[in-house]
């Protein structure tokens, strides 16, 4: 997961969140989100 400047082009091999903020990037990369995501896959 990374935060790239608008000048970077991505291929169809990656997921893209246009207009994402640093806050959203922080939330998605946080330990709490990773723990919740791991639990949601188990159920």
Protein backbone atom coordinates (compact mmCIF):
# COMPACT_ATOMS: atom_id res chain seq x y z
CA UNK A 1 0.00 0.00 0.00
CA UNK A 2 1.38 3.39 -0.87
CA UNK A 3 0.46 7.05 -1.29
CA UNK A 4 1.48 8.28 -4.73
CA UNK A 5 1.40 11.75 -6.32
CA UNK A 6 -1.16 12.46 -9.05
CA UNK A 7 1.52 12.24 -11.75
CA UNK A 8 1.97 8.47 -11.22
CA UNK A 9 0.04 6.17 -13.56
CA UNK A 10 -1.02 2.71 -12.42
CA UNK A 11 -1.77 -0.45 -14.35
CA UNK A 12 -4.75 -2.77 -14.05
CA UNK A 13 -2.74 -4.92 -11.59
CA UNK A 14 -3.33 -2.56 -8.66
CA UNK A 15 -6.28 -1.09 -6.77
CA UNK A 16 -6.68 2.69 -6.91
CA UNK A 17 -8.52 5.15 -4.66
CA UNK A 18 -8.70 8.43 -6.60
CA UNK A 19 -8.82 11.51 -4.38
CA UNK A 20 -7.89 9.59 -1.22
CA UNK A 21 -6.59 11.69 1.67
CA UNK A 22 -3.67 11.05 4.00
CA UNK A 23 -6.26 10.44 6.74
CA UNK A 24 -7.85 7.62 4.74
CA UNK A 25 -4.44 6.16 3.91
CA UNK A 26 -3.58 6.21 7.62
CA UNK A 27 -6.83 4.48 8.51
CA UNK A 28 -6.37 1.72 5.93
CA UNK A 29 -2.78 1.07 6.95
CA UNK A 30 -3.40 1.15 10.71
CA UNK A 31 -2.97 -1.87 12.96
CA UNK A 32 -6.61 -1.63 14.09
CA UNK A 33 -7.91 -1.78 10.50
CA UNK A 34 -5.65 -4.75 9.69
CA UNK A 35 -6.91 -6.59 12.79
CA UNK A 36 -10.57 -5.90 11.87
CA UNK A 37 -10.01 -6.91 8.25
CA UNK A 38 -8.37 -10.17 9.35
CA UNK A 39 -11.34 -10.95 11.61
CA UNK A 40 -13.88 -10.12 8.92
CA UNK A 41 -12.25 -12.66 6.57
CA UNK A 42 -12.48 -15.44 9.16
CA UNK A 43 -16.23 -15.15 9.68
